[in-house]
Amino acid sequence: MKLYYAPGSCSQAVHIVLREAGLDAELIRVDPRKHAIEDGRSFYDVAELGYVPVLELDDGSAMREGPVIAQYLADRRPETGLAPANGTMARYRLLEWLNFLSTEIHKGFIPLLYAVAAGKYVETARPKLRSRFEWIDRQLHERRYLMGDVFTVADAYLFALTGWGKATWLNSVYQADIDLTSLDHLREWYDSVRARPQVQKVLTLEGLSTG
């Protein structure tokens, strides 16, 4: 397998799941601004839409969309608990989280990451995104991870996205103007995830400070 990734982007979630699942894949770095692969090729030759992550399978076919790739990897190692079994209520709860993170958090960051282009819309988008993080903070009260006591692909996804915010305990190559400093449960969760050995390996391999 080959994982096309950009350090600190949403592909970090898939990178974490790959490591947590104990699976091997060749890591291929992509410059998301130039849409260029580290060997000089155009990333559009691999992914017509031009964004990471992309997982190239051993048969040469490719998978897109981080939450789908993460579940595919998790299902290859069900014993890790990264994703509950298909058909169970727990799996539907996981899908609930992944859909929420994709639509309310991931997409919610876009106007803030491209604030100049977004213009005045930022002033509407920021409080909405902040309210979503406040809701997550409340869910993490007396809960170790999003799904309870077990680390799942949803935690990997949220970890990558949370790193885009502003707080003394966050670090990423991306930075959006939304302050998450006061969200204590989120901070405790983030520090716990960051301390995981495989997450530490991902941060090191992606060239990011672990704080």
C-alpha atoms as a PDB file:
ATOM      1  CA  MET A   1       0.000   0.000   0.000  1.00  0.00           C
ATOM      2  CA  LYS A   2       0.972   3.626  -0.516  1.00  0.00           C
ATOM      3  CA  LEU A   3      -0.375   6.526   1.527  1.00  0.00           C
ATOM      4  CA  TYR A   4      -0.245   9.953  -0.085  1.00  0.00           C
ATOM      5  CA  TYR A   5      -0.232  12.517   2.727  1.00  0.00           C
ATOM      6  CA  ALA A   6       0.540  16.114   3.621  1.00  0.00           C
ATOM      7  CA  PRO A   7       2.012  16.793   7.095  1.00  0.00           C
ATOM      8  CA  GLY A   8      -0.513  18.204   9.540  1.00  0.00           C
ATOM      9  CA  SER A   9      -3.429  17.933   7.134  1.00  0.00           C
ATOM     10  CA  CYS A  10      -6.509  15.749   7.560  1.00  0.00           C
ATOM     11  CA  SER A  11      -4.434  12.874   6.130  1.00  0.00           C
ATOM     12  CA  GLN A  12      -2.728  12.784   9.522  1.00  0.00           C
ATOM     13  CA  ALA A  13      -5.773  10.927  10.825  1.00  0.00           C
ATOM     14  CA  VAL A  14      -5.264   8.105   8.325  1.00  0.00           C
ATOM     15  CA  HIS A  15      -1.543   8.059   9.100  1.00  0.00           C
ATOM     16  CA  ILE A  16      -2.380   7.600  12.797  1.00  0.00           C
ATOM     17  CA  VAL A  17      -4.860   4.797  12.065  1.00  0.00           C
ATOM     18  CA  LEU A  18      -2.285   3.077   9.865  1.00  0.00           C
ATOM     19  CA  ARG A  19       0.224   3.086  12.731  1.00  0.00           C
ATOM     20  CA  GLU A  20      -2.309   2.164  15.402  1.00  0.00           C
ATOM     21  CA  ALA A  21      -3.442  -0.791  13.276  1.00  0.00           C
ATOM     22  CA  GLY A  22       0.129  -1.997  12.836  1.00  0.00           C
ATOM     23  CA  LEU A  23      -0.131  -1.937   9.043  1.00  0.00           C
ATOM     24  CA  ASP A  24       2.671  -1.145   6.616  1.00  0.00           C
ATOM     25  CA  ALA A  25       2.432   1.367   3.799  1.00  0.00           C
ATOM     26  CA  GLU A  26       4.869   3.450   1.824  1.00  0.00           C
ATOM     27  CA  LEU A  27       4.475   7.094   2.794  1.00  0.00           C
ATOM     28  CA  ILE A  28       4.502   9.529  -0.119  1.00  0.00           C
ATOM     29  CA  ARG A  29       4.581  13.208   0.788  1.00  0.00           C
ATOM     30  CA  VAL A  30       2.498  15.714  -1.142  1.00  0.00           C
ATOM     31  CA  ASP A  31       2.854  19.485  -1.230  1.00  0.00           C
ATOM     32  CA  PRO A  32      -0.814  20.541  -0.981  1.00  0.00           C
ATOM     33  CA  ARG A  33      -0.162  24.078  -2.200  1.00  0.00           C
ATOM     34  CA  LYS A  34       1.700  23.065  -5.341  1.00  0.00           C
ATOM     35  CA  HIS A  35      -0.203  19.786  -5.755  1.00  0.00           C
ATOM     36  CA  ALA A  36       3.161  18.139  -6.283  1.00  0.00           C
ATOM     37  CA  ILE A  37       4.517  14.791  -5.113  1.00  0.00           C
ATOM     38  CA  GLU A  38       7.958  14.710  -3.515  1.00  0.00           C
ATOM     39  CA  ASP A  39       9.438  13.054  -6.625  1.00  0.00           C
ATOM     40  CA  GLY A  40       8.322  15.997  -8.757  1.00  0.00           C
ATOM     41  CA  ARG A  41       5.213  14.470 -10.339  1.00  0.00           C
ATOM     42  CA  SER A  42       1.898  16.256 -10.335  1.00  0.00           C
ATOM     43  CA  PHE A  43      -0.415  14.941  -7.647  1.00  0.00           C
ATOM     44  CA  TYR A  44      -3.273  15.356 -10.108  1.00  0.00           C
ATOM     45  CA  ASP A  45      -1.825  12.353 -11.931  1.00  0.00           C
ATOM     46  CA  VAL A  46      -2.706  10.294  -8.844  1.00  0.00           C
ATOM     47  CA  ALA A  47      -5.831  12.087  -7.643  1.00  0.00           C
ATOM     48  CA  GLU A  48      -7.880  14.097 -10.112  1.00  0.00           C
ATOM     49  CA  LEU A  49      -9.413  16.154  -7.308  1.00  0.00           C
ATOM     50  CA  GLY A  50      -5.958  17.022  -5.989  1.00  0.00           C
ATOM     51  CA  TYR A  51      -6.371  16.487  -2.259  1.00  0.00           C
ATOM     52  CA  VAL A  52      -5.064  14.037   0.323  1.00  0.00           C
ATOM     53  CA  PRO A  53      -5.349  11.426   1.663  1.00  0.00           C
ATOM     54  CA  VAL A  54      -5.205   8.828  -1.055  1.00  0.00           C
ATOM     55  CA  LEU A  55      -4.471   5.193  -0.299  1.00  0.00           C
ATOM     56  CA  GLU A  56      -3.125   3.179  -3.217  1.00  0.00           C
ATOM     57  CA  LEU A  57      -3.834  -0.514  -2.711  1.00  0.00           C
ATOM     58  CA  ASP A  58      -1.592  -3.379  -3.731  1.00  0.00           C
ATOM     59  CA  ASP A  59      -3.720  -4.067  -6.814  1.00  0.00           C
ATOM     60  CA  GLY A  60      -3.119  -0.530  -8.054  1.00  0.00           C
ATOM     61  CA  SER A  61      -6.576   0.798  -7.266  1.00  0.00           C
ATOM     62  CA  ALA A  62      -6.979   3.845  -5.053  1.00  0.00           C
ATOM     63  CA  MET A  63      -9.221   4.863  -2.177  1.00  0.00           C
ATOM     64  CA  ARG A  64     -10.202   8.454  -1.410  1.00  0.00           C
ATOM     65  CA  GLU A  65     -11.820  10.216   1.560  1.00  0.00           C
ATOM     66  CA  GLY A  66     -10.126   9.985   4.932  1.00  0.00           C
ATOM     67  CA  PRO A  67     -13.013   8.586   7.022  1.00  0.00           C
ATOM     68  CA  VAL A  68     -13.540   5.774   4.510  1.00  0.00           C
ATOM     69  CA  ILE A  69      -9.836   4.932   4.292  1.00  0.00           C
ATOM     70  CA  ALA A  70      -9.588   4.958   8.097  1.00  0.00           C
ATOM     71  CA  GLN A  71     -12.446   2.461   8.417  1.00  0.00           C
ATOM     72  CA  TYR A  72     -10.952   0.252   5.723  1.00  0.00           C
ATOM     73  CA  LEU A  73      -7.660   0.093   7.624  1.00  0.00           C
ATOM     74  CA  ALA A  74      -9.415  -0.459  10.952  1.00  0.00           C
ATOM     75  CA  ASP A  75     -11.467  -3.321   9.532  1.00  0.00           C
ATOM     76  CA  ARG A  76      -8.266  -5.056   8.490  1.00  0.00           C
ATOM     77  CA  ARG A  77      -7.283  -5.215  12.160  1.00  0.00           C
ATOM     78  CA  PRO A  78     -10.579  -5.637  14.049  1.00  0.00           C
ATOM     79  CA  GLU A  79      -8.759  -6.778  17.173  1.00  0.00           C
ATOM     80  CA  THR A  80      -7.450  -3.220  17.686  1.00  0.00           C
ATOM     81  CA  GLY A  81     -10.938  -1.833  18.369  1.00  0.00           C
ATOM     82  CA  LEU A  82     -10.271   1.114  16.052  1.00  0.00           C
ATOM     83  CA  ALA A  83     -13.732   0.542  14.575  1.00  0.00           C
ATOM     84  CA  PRO A  84     -16.597  -1.503  16.041  1.00  0.00           C
ATOM     85  CA  ALA A  85     -17.908  -4.434  14.019  1.00  0.00           C
ATOM     86  CA  ASN A  86     -20.088  -3.660  11.006  1.00  0.00           C
ATOM     87  CA  GLY A  87     -23.816  -3.883  11.684  1.00  0.00           C
ATOM     88  CA  THR A  88     -23.535  -3.091  15.379  1.00  0.00           C
ATOM     89  CA  MET A  89     -25.043  -0.025  17.027  1.00  0.00           C
ATOM     90  CA  ALA A  90     -21.538   0.968  18.071  1.00  0.00           C
ATOM     91  CA  ARG A  91     -20.515   1.094  14.399  1.00  0.00           C
ATOM     92  CA  TYR A  92     -23.425   3.390  13.638  1.00  0.00           C
ATOM     93  CA  ARG A  93     -22.330   5.612  16.530  1.00  0.00           C
ATOM     94  CA  LEU A  94     -18.868   5.726  14.978  1.00  0.00           C
ATOM     95  CA  LEU A  95     -20.377   6.704  11.629  1.00  0.00           C
ATOM     96  CA  GLU A  96     -22.351   9.386  13.445  1.00  0.00           C
ATOM     97  CA  TRP A  97     -19.125  10.854  14.799  1.00  0.00           C
ATOM     98  CA  LEU A  98     -17.303  10.635  11.469  1.00  0.00           C
ATOM     99  CA  ASN A  99     -20.126  12.384   9.637  1.00  0.00           C
ATOM    100  CA  PHE A 100     -20.273  15.102  12.279  1.00  0.00           C
ATOM    101  CA  LEU A 101     -16.514  15.649  12.132  1.00  0.00           C
ATOM    102  CA  SER A 102     -16.556  15.777   8.330  1.00  0.00           C
ATOM    103  CA  THR A 103     -19.440  18.203   7.948  1.00  0.00           C
ATOM    104  CA  GLU A 104     -19.397  20.329  11.103  1.00  0.00           C
ATOM    105  CA  ILE A 105     -15.697  20.450  12.048  1.00  0.00           C
ATOM    106  CA  HIS A 106     -13.624  19.730   8.937  1.00  0.00           C
ATOM    107  CA  LYS A 107     -15.726  21.858   6.598  1.00  0.00           C
ATOM    108  CA  GLY A 108     -16.272  24.381   9.361  1.00  0.00           C
ATOM    109  CA  PHE A 109     -12.557  25.147   9.353  1.00  0.00           C
ATOM    110  CA  ILE A 110     -12.379  25.957   5.630  1.00  0.00           C
ATOM    111  CA  PRO A 111     -13.483  29.626   5.845  1.00  0.00           C
ATOM    112  CA  LEU A 112     -11.022  30.199   8.696  1.00  0.00           C
ATOM    113  CA  LEU A 113      -8.108  28.579   6.886  1.00  0.00           C
ATOM    114  CA  TYR A 114      -8.872  30.700   3.812  1.00  0.00           C
ATOM    115  CA  ALA A 115      -9.956  33.822   5.654  1.00  0.00           C
ATOM    116  CA  VAL A 116      -8.945  36.313   2.957  1.00  0.00           C
ATOM    117  CA  ALA A 117     -11.060  34.569   0.340  1.00  0.00           C
ATOM    118  CA  ALA A 118     -13.907  33.984   2.803  1.00  0.00           C
ATOM    119  CA  GLY A 119     -14.088  37.653   3.767  1.00  0.00           C
ATOM    120  CA  LYS A 120     -16.909  38.615   6.122  1.00  0.00           C
ATOM    121  CA  TYR A 121     -18.205  35.020   6.175  1.00  0.00           C
ATOM    122  CA  VAL A 122     -15.455  34.257   8.681  1.00  0.00           C
ATOM    123  CA  GLU A 123     -17.362  36.222  11.330  1.00  0.00           C
ATOM    124  CA  THR A 124     -20.292  33.858  10.882  1.00  0.00           C
ATOM    125  CA  ALA A 125     -18.244  30.676  10.522  1.00  0.00           C
ATOM    126  CA  ARG A 126     -16.030  31.171  13.580  1.00  0.00           C
ATOM    127  CA  PRO A 127     -18.736  31.210  16.294  1.00  0.00           C
ATOM    128  CA  LYS A 128     -20.527  28.301  14.633  1.00  0.00           C
ATOM    129  CA  LEU A 129     -17.362  26.213  14.650  1.00  0.00           C
ATOM    130  CA  ARG A 130     -16.610  27.293  18.202  1.00  0.00           C
ATOM    131  CA  SER A 131     -20.069  26.112  19.308  1.00  0.00           C
ATOM    132  CA  ARG A 132     -19.404  22.704  17.754  1.00  0.00           C
ATOM    133  CA  PHE A 133     -16.133  22.379  19.667  1.00  0.00           C
ATOM    134  CA  GLU A 134     -17.907  23.411  22.874  1.00  0.00           C
ATOM    135  CA  TRP A 135     -20.365  20.583  22.269  1.00  0.00           C
ATOM    136  CA  ILE A 136     -17.492  18.114  21.780  1.00  0.00           C
ATOM    137  CA  ASP A 137     -15.915  19.420  24.980  1.00  0.00           C
ATOM    138  CA  ARG A 138     -19.108  18.572  26.867  1.00  0.00           C
ATOM    139  CA  GLN A 139     -19.203  15.078  25.357  1.00  0.00           C
ATOM    140  CA  LEU A 140     -15.669  14.458  26.614  1.00  0.00           C
ATOM    141  CA  HIS A 141     -16.636  15.154  30.233  1.00  0.00           C
ATOM    142  CA  GLU A 142     -15.808  11.946  32.141  1.00  0.00           C
ATOM    143  CA  ARG A 143     -15.144  10.168  28.850  1.00  0.00           C
ATOM    144  CA  ARG A 144     -11.641   9.141  27.834  1.00  0.00           C
ATOM    145  CA  TYR A 145     -12.290   9.038  24.086  1.00  0.00           C
ATOM    146  CA  LEU A 146     -15.157   9.995  21.791  1.00  0.00           C
ATOM    147  CA  MET A 147     -16.637   6.484  21.891  1.00  0.00           C
ATOM    148  CA  GLY A 148     -15.890   5.846  25.556  1.00  0.00           C
ATOM    149  CA  ASP A 149     -12.854   3.958  26.826  1.00  0.00           C
ATOM    150  CA  VAL A 150     -11.552   2.786  23.431  1.00  0.00           C
ATOM    151  CA  PHE A 151      -9.520   4.880  20.975  1.00  0.00           C
ATOM    152  CA  THR A 152     -11.139   4.770  17.529  1.00  0.00           C
ATOM    153  CA  VAL A 153     -10.656   6.251  14.080  1.00  0.00           C
ATOM    154  CA  ALA A 154     -12.932   9.116  15.160  1.00  0.00           C
ATOM    155  CA  ASP A 155     -10.351  10.188  17.742  1.00  0.00           C
ATOM    156  CA  ALA A 156      -7.640  10.128  15.088  1.00  0.00           C
ATOM    157  CA  TYR A 157      -9.758  12.347  12.838  1.00  0.00           C
ATOM    158  CA  LEU A 158     -10.620  14.828  15.586  1.00  0.00           C
ATOM    159  CA  PHE A 159      -6.969  14.974  16.671  1.00  0.00           C
ATOM    160  CA  ALA A 160      -5.863  16.072  13.208  1.00  0.00           C
ATOM    161  CA  LEU A 161      -8.637  18.662  12.955  1.00  0.00           C
ATOM    162  CA  THR A 162      -8.244  20.080  16.463  1.00  0.00           C
ATOM    163  CA  GLY A 163      -4.595  20.801  15.739  1.00  0.00           C
ATOM    164  CA  TRP A 164      -5.713  23.491  13.301  1.00  0.00           C
ATOM    165  CA  GLY A 165      -7.066  25.669  16.113  1.00  0.00           C
ATOM    166  CA  LYS A 166      -5.328  28.110  18.430  1.00  0.00           C
ATOM    167  CA  ALA A 167      -4.255  27.144  21.952  1.00  0.00           C
ATOM    168  CA  THR A 168      -0.984  26.807  23.820  1.00  0.00           C
ATOM    169  CA  TRP A 169      -1.383  23.016  23.813  1.00  0.00           C
ATOM    170  CA  LEU A 170      -1.922  22.713  20.047  1.00  0.00           C
ATOM    171  CA  ASN A 171       0.646  22.451  17.282  1.00  0.00           C
ATOM    172  CA  SER A 172       0.246  22.119  13.532  1.00  0.00           C
ATOM    173  CA  VAL A 173       1.491  23.481  10.247  1.00  0.00           C
ATOM    174  CA  TYR A 174      -2.037  24.818   9.735  1.00  0.00           C
ATOM    175  CA  GLN A 175      -3.487  27.565  11.904  1.00  0.00           C
ATOM    176  CA  ALA A 176      -7.019  28.926  11.971  1.00  0.00           C
ATOM    177  CA  ASP A 177      -8.150  31.899  14.015  1.00  0.00           C
ATOM    178  CA  ILE A 178     -10.263  30.076  16.575  1.00  0.00           C
ATOM    179  CA  ASP A 179      -9.150  29.927  20.190  1.00  0.00           C
ATOM    180  CA  LEU A 180      -9.794  26.582  21.918  1.00  0.00           C
ATOM    181  CA  THR A 181      -7.748  27.364  25.029  1.00  0.00           C
ATOM    182  CA  SER A 182     -10.650  27.371  27.501  1.00  0.00           C
ATOM    183  CA  LEU A 183     -11.992  23.928  26.525  1.00  0.00           C
ATOM    184  CA  ASP A 184     -10.512  21.882  29.363  1.00  0.00           C
ATOM    185  CA  HIS A 185     -11.989  18.474  28.494  1.00  0.00           C
ATOM    186  CA  LEU A 186     -10.863  18.849  24.898  1.00  0.00           C
ATOM    187  CA  ARG A 187      -7.371  19.764  26.071  1.00  0.00           C
ATOM    188  CA  GLU A 188      -7.148  16.729  28.365  1.00  0.00           C
ATOM    189  CA  TRP A 189      -8.351  14.474  25.553  1.00  0.00           C
ATOM    190  CA  TYR A 190      -5.919  16.029  23.067  1.00  0.00           C
ATOM    191  CA  ASP A 191      -2.956  15.591  25.424  1.00  0.00           C
ATOM    192  CA  SER A 192      -3.961  11.960  26.033  1.00  0.00           C
ATOM    193  CA  VAL A 193      -4.124  11.206  22.318  1.00  0.00           C
ATOM    194  CA  ARG A 194      -0.881  13.051  21.623  1.00  0.00           C
ATOM    195  CA  ALA A 195       0.864  10.934  24.264  1.00  0.00           C
ATOM    196  CA  ARG A 196       0.017   7.677  22.497  1.00  0.00           C
ATOM    197  CA  PRO A 197       3.238   6.075  21.197  1.00  0.00           C
ATOM    198  CA  GLN A 198       1.955   5.641  17.652  1.00  0.00           C
ATOM    199  CA  VAL A 199       0.709   9.232  17.520  1.00  0.00           C
ATOM    200  CA  GLN A 200       4.133  10.379  18.670  1.00  0.00           C
ATOM    201  CA  LYS A 201       5.669   8.394  15.801  1.00  0.00           C
ATOM    202  CA  VAL A 202       3.337  10.044  13.309  1.00  0.00           C
ATOM    203  CA  LEU A 203       4.176  13.525  14.585  1.00  0.00           C
ATOM    204  CA  THR A 204       7.875  12.742  14.329  1.00  0.00           C
ATOM    205  CA  LEU A 205       7.586  11.286  10.818  1.00  0.00           C
ATOM    206  CA  GLU A 206       5.561  14.287   9.666  1.00  0.00           C
ATOM    207  CA  GLY A 207       8.168  16.663  11.097  1.00  0.00           C
ATOM    208  CA  LEU A 208       5.849  18.260  13.665  1.00  0.00           C
ATOM    209  CA  SER A 209       6.811  19.335  17.155  1.00  0.00           C
ATOM    210  CA  THR A 210       5.175  17.270  19.896  1.00  0.00           C
ATOM    211  CA  GLY A 211       5.134  20.152  22.361  1.00  0.00           C
END
